[in-house]
Amino acid sequence: MQPGVITLGGFLGTDKRDFTQIIADDEKTLEKCGKTAEEIAERLEYFQQQSFDAFESNTIVDNKYKVETEVVRGYLPCPFNHQGIYRKSYTTVTNLQSGKSFTFSALNIHLIRAHHFFEGKKSHFRLEPDEVIKELF
């Protein structure tokens, strides 16, 4: 989870909470918003797949979202020692109505789906569950 082990910035950012507390707090947020981690992961995967399928740099999805995916060389393992490695791809989804953007990786989708982990505050790929729900659903 620490900087420089799997990724340059790590997965915790400036968050001083233990990753189990981060997960528990995010679960409370999801419950308040009426969504599950699995639903969030499915939605993110939907956008990523739409971008892959379009073969275009700027894809408009559902007439409301601009989606761009960049694939770079290499793979990342799960920091939870979960089996599997994930392509280094970075998808940015912009809600065209609000202008709000989210960038996430293939590993983020796995972390959210399998571990309910949205990363720590101020980490490079932290997704705030309530903001994702508001903007992408």
Protein backbone atom coordinates (compact mmCIF):
# COMPACT_ATOMS: atom_id res chain seq x y z
CA MET A 1 0.00 0.00 0.00
CA GLN A 2 2.96 2.31 0.62
CA PRO A 3 4.59 4.58 -1.99
CA GLY A 4 7.18 2.96 -4.20
CA VAL A 5 6.20 -0.65 -3.54
CA ILE A 6 3.73 -1.32 -6.38
CA THR A 7 3.16 2.24 -7.56
CA LEU A 8 5.19 5.40 -7.17
CA GLY A 9 2.57 7.13 -5.01
CA GLY A 10 1.11 4.10 -3.24
CA PHE A 11 -2.56 3.58 -2.48
CA LEU A 12 -3.06 5.51 0.76
CA GLY A 13 -2.14 9.06 -0.21
CA THR A 14 -2.03 11.33 2.84
CA ASP A 15 -4.67 9.30 4.63
CA LYS A 16 -3.60 8.35 8.16
CA ARG A 17 -6.36 5.77 8.57
CA ASP A 18 -5.65 2.05 8.27
CA PHE A 19 -6.90 0.67 4.96
CA THR A 20 -9.56 -1.35 6.84
CA GLN A 21 -10.97 1.90 8.27
CA ILE A 22 -10.90 3.52 4.83
CA ILE A 23 -12.95 0.61 3.49
CA ALA A 24 -15.39 0.75 6.42
CA ASP A 25 -15.92 4.50 6.02
CA ASP A 26 -16.46 4.18 2.27
CA GLU A 27 -18.94 1.35 2.88
CA LYS A 28 -20.97 3.71 5.08
CA THR A 29 -20.98 6.28 2.28
CA LEU A 30 -22.13 3.67 -0.24
CA GLU A 31 -24.91 2.56 2.07
CA LYS A 32 -26.10 6.17 2.48
CA CYS A 33 -26.09 6.60 -1.30
CA GLY A 34 -27.90 3.31 -1.95
CA LYS A 35 -25.20 1.76 -4.14
CA THR A 36 -22.75 -1.10 -3.72
CA ALA A 37 -19.07 -1.34 -4.53
CA GLU A 38 -19.97 -3.93 -7.17
CA GLU A 39 -22.36 -1.49 -8.87
CA ILE A 40 -19.65 1.18 -8.91
CA ALA A 41 -17.12 -1.28 -10.39
CA GLU A 42 -19.63 -2.35 -13.04
CA ARG A 43 -20.28 1.26 -14.01
CA LEU A 44 -16.57 2.07 -14.28
CA GLU A 45 -15.98 -1.09 -16.30
CA TYR A 46 -18.86 -0.11 -18.59
CA PHE A 47 -17.17 3.21 -19.42
CA GLN A 48 -13.80 1.57 -19.89
CA GLN A 49 -15.25 -1.04 -22.23
CA GLN A 50 -17.14 1.58 -24.24
CA SER A 51 -13.87 3.39 -24.79
CA PHE A 52 -12.02 0.20 -25.77
CA ASP A 53 -14.79 -0.80 -28.17
CA ALA A 54 -14.91 2.59 -29.91
CA PHE A 55 -11.22 2.66 -30.90
CA GLU A 56 -11.36 6.46 -30.76
CA SER A 57 -9.52 8.84 -28.48
CA ASN A 58 -12.66 10.79 -27.53
CA THR A 59 -15.75 8.66 -27.18
CA ILE A 60 -19.16 10.03 -26.26
CA VAL A 61 -21.16 7.56 -24.19
CA ASP A 62 -24.90 7.79 -23.53
CA ASN A 63 -24.86 11.33 -25.02
CA LYS A 64 -23.65 12.55 -21.63
CA TYR A 65 -20.08 11.40 -21.01
CA LYS A 66 -16.79 11.89 -22.79
CA VAL A 67 -14.56 8.86 -22.24
CA GLU A 68 -10.88 8.49 -23.05
CA THR A 69 -8.65 5.52 -22.27
CA GLU A 70 -4.89 5.47 -22.42
CA VAL A 71 -3.16 2.09 -22.37
CA VAL A 72 0.49 2.05 -21.40
CA ARG A 73 2.97 -0.76 -21.31
CA GLY A 74 2.92 -3.04 -18.32
CA TYR A 75 0.72 -4.53 -15.66
CA LEU A 76 0.04 -3.97 -11.96
CA PRO A 77 -0.56 -6.60 -9.29
CA CYS A 78 -3.23 -6.29 -6.61
CA PRO A 79 -1.75 -4.86 -3.36
CA PHE A 80 -3.94 -7.28 -1.38
CA ASN A 81 -1.97 -10.23 -2.80
CA HIS A 82 -5.09 -11.18 -4.71
CA GLN A 83 -4.47 -13.37 -7.71
CA GLY A 84 -4.22 -11.56 -11.01
CA ILE A 85 -2.46 -8.66 -12.65
CA TYR A 86 -4.14 -5.71 -14.31
CA ARG A 87 -3.32 -3.83 -17.48
CA LYS A 88 -1.95 -0.34 -17.03
CA SER A 89 -4.83 1.52 -18.58
CA TYR A 90 -6.20 4.82 -17.44
CA THR A 91 -9.73 5.86 -18.28
CA THR A 92 -11.02 9.39 -17.83
CA VAL A 93 -14.77 9.93 -17.80
CA THR A 94 -16.11 13.47 -17.99
CA ASN A 95 -19.74 14.26 -17.28
CA LEU A 96 -20.42 16.78 -20.07
CA GLN A 97 -23.25 18.43 -18.14
CA SER A 98 -21.32 19.12 -14.92
CA GLY A 99 -17.77 19.12 -16.29
CA LYS A 100 -16.65 16.79 -13.48
CA SER A 101 -14.01 14.20 -14.47
CA PHE A 102 -12.80 10.96 -12.91
CA THR A 103 -9.69 9.02 -13.85
CA PHE A 104 -9.33 5.39 -12.86
CA SER A 105 -7.28 2.37 -13.78
CA ALA A 106 -8.13 -1.24 -14.50
CA LEU A 107 -6.66 -1.99 -11.07
CA ASN A 108 -9.10 0.51 -9.49
CA ILE A 109 -12.01 -1.47 -10.89
CA HIS A 110 -10.63 -4.65 -9.32
CA LEU A 111 -9.89 -2.95 -5.98
CA ILE A 112 -13.42 -1.60 -5.77
CA ARG A 113 -15.14 -4.82 -6.89
CA ALA A 114 -13.09 -7.35 -4.93
CA HIS A 115 -11.97 -5.35 -1.89
CA HIS A 116 -14.35 -2.36 -1.72
CA PHE A 117 -11.22 -0.19 -1.65
CA PHE A 118 -11.45 3.26 -3.25
CA GLU A 119 -7.91 4.17 -2.04
CA GLY A 120 -6.88 6.67 0.62
CA LYS A 121 -7.49 10.41 0.67
CA LYS A 122 -5.24 12.35 -1.70
CA SER A 123 -3.93 9.20 -3.40
CA HIS A 124 -3.51 9.68 -7.13
CA PHE A 125 -6.42 7.41 -8.10
CA ARG A 126 -8.72 7.96 -5.10
CA LEU A 127 -12.36 7.94 -6.16
CA GLU A 128 -14.83 9.50 -3.74
CA PRO A 129 -17.78 7.08 -3.79
CA ASP A 130 -20.47 9.74 -3.31
CA GLU A 131 -19.06 11.91 -6.12
CA VAL A 132 -18.79 8.96 -8.51
CA ILE A 133 -22.40 8.02 -7.77
CA LYS A 134 -23.64 11.59 -8.24
CA GLU A 135 -21.81 12.11 -11.54
CA LEU A 136 -21.77 8.70 -13.22
CA PHE A 137 -25.18 7.19 -12.43
